[in-house]
Protein backbone atom coordinates (compact mmCIF):
# COMPACT_ATOMS: atom_id res chain seq x y z
CA MET A 1 0.25 0.25 -0.09
CA ALA A 2 1.06 3.35 -1.20
CA GLU A 3 0.64 6.99 1.55
CA TYR A 4 -0.21 9.53 -1.26
CA ARG A 5 1.10 13.28 -1.22
CA ILE A 6 -0.07 16.63 -3.08
CA VAL A 7 3.07 18.89 -3.58
CA THR A 8 3.42 21.86 -5.65
CA ASP A 9 5.14 21.60 -8.61
CA ASN A 10 7.04 23.86 -11.22
CA ALA A 11 4.65 23.45 -14.86
CA SER A 12 0.75 23.57 -13.52
CA GLY A 13 0.15 24.09 -9.83
CA PHE A 14 0.12 20.26 -8.37
CA MET A 15 1.22 17.10 -8.61
CA VAL A 16 0.47 13.72 -6.63
CA GLN A 17 3.36 12.02 -4.64
CA ALA A 18 3.85 8.40 -3.48
CA ARG A 19 5.56 6.69 -0.46
CA ARG A 20 6.10 2.89 -0.95
CA TRP A 21 6.39 1.00 2.96
CA TRP A 22 9.71 -0.32 1.07
CA TRP A 23 11.20 2.91 0.10
CA PRO A 24 12.07 5.89 1.80
CA PHE A 25 11.78 8.39 -0.98
CA TRP A 26 8.31 9.95 -2.50
CA LEU A 27 8.54 10.18 -5.69
CA GLN A 28 6.12 11.41 -8.70
CA VAL A 29 3.31 8.87 -9.62
CA GLY A 30 3.72 9.13 -13.69
CA PHE A 31 2.78 11.73 -15.26
CA ASN A 32 0.50 13.62 -13.14
CA SER A 33 0.75 17.49 -13.14
CA SER A 34 -2.67 19.03 -12.51
CA SER A 35 -3.97 22.77 -12.61
CA SER A 36 -5.77 22.26 -9.21
CA ALA A 37 -4.81 20.47 -5.71
CA GLU A 38 -8.59 18.83 -6.76
CA GLY A 39 -7.71 17.92 -9.92
CA ALA A 40 -4.68 16.19 -7.78
CA ARG A 41 -6.71 14.11 -5.54
CA GLN A 42 -9.75 13.32 -8.19
CA TRP A 43 -6.86 11.56 -9.40
CA ILE A 44 -5.57 9.91 -6.66
CA GLU A 45 -9.36 8.66 -6.20
CA ARG A 46 -9.19 7.19 -9.64
CA GLU A 47 -5.82 5.28 -8.75
CA PHE A 48 -7.22 3.39 -5.67
CA ALA A 49 -10.20 3.04 -8.08
CA TYR A 50 -8.06 1.58 -10.64
CA ALA A 51 -5.91 -0.63 -7.57
CA ALA A 52 -9.04 -2.06 -6.44
CA ARG A 53 -10.13 -3.10 -9.50
CA LYS A 54 -6.98 -4.60 -10.50
CA LYS A 55 -7.02 -7.08 -7.02
CA ASN A 56 -10.54 -8.71 -8.02
CA ALA A 57 -9.81 -9.06 -10.79
CA GLY A 58 -9.59 -13.43 -11.89
CA LYS A 59 -11.14 -14.39 -8.45
CA VAL A 60 -13.91 -16.64 -8.67
CA VAL A 61 -17.46 -15.03 -8.47
CA GLU A 62 -19.32 -18.51 -8.43
CA HIS A 63 -18.03 -22.33 -8.36
CA LEU A 64 -20.48 -23.98 -10.04
CA GLY A 65 -18.55 -27.14 -9.75
CA ARG A 66 -19.10 -30.16 -12.39
CA TRP A 67 -21.66 -29.95 -15.13
CA THR A 68 -22.39 -33.82 -16.19
CA SER A 69 -24.88 -34.49 -18.73
């Protein structure tokens, strides 16, 4: 799990940085420059939604057992 923060940048205003539990430094995540702090928050929310979909991908929804005819 990552920890996120919003910082100012020199390009368009704000960017998202992340720090993993195993890495002691803050790093920019992708290309996420935003003109507002709200836009940066929306980027983080999309990142969380993507991670949730990825985590649930490939899980068994229903096991039907063997079919015999």
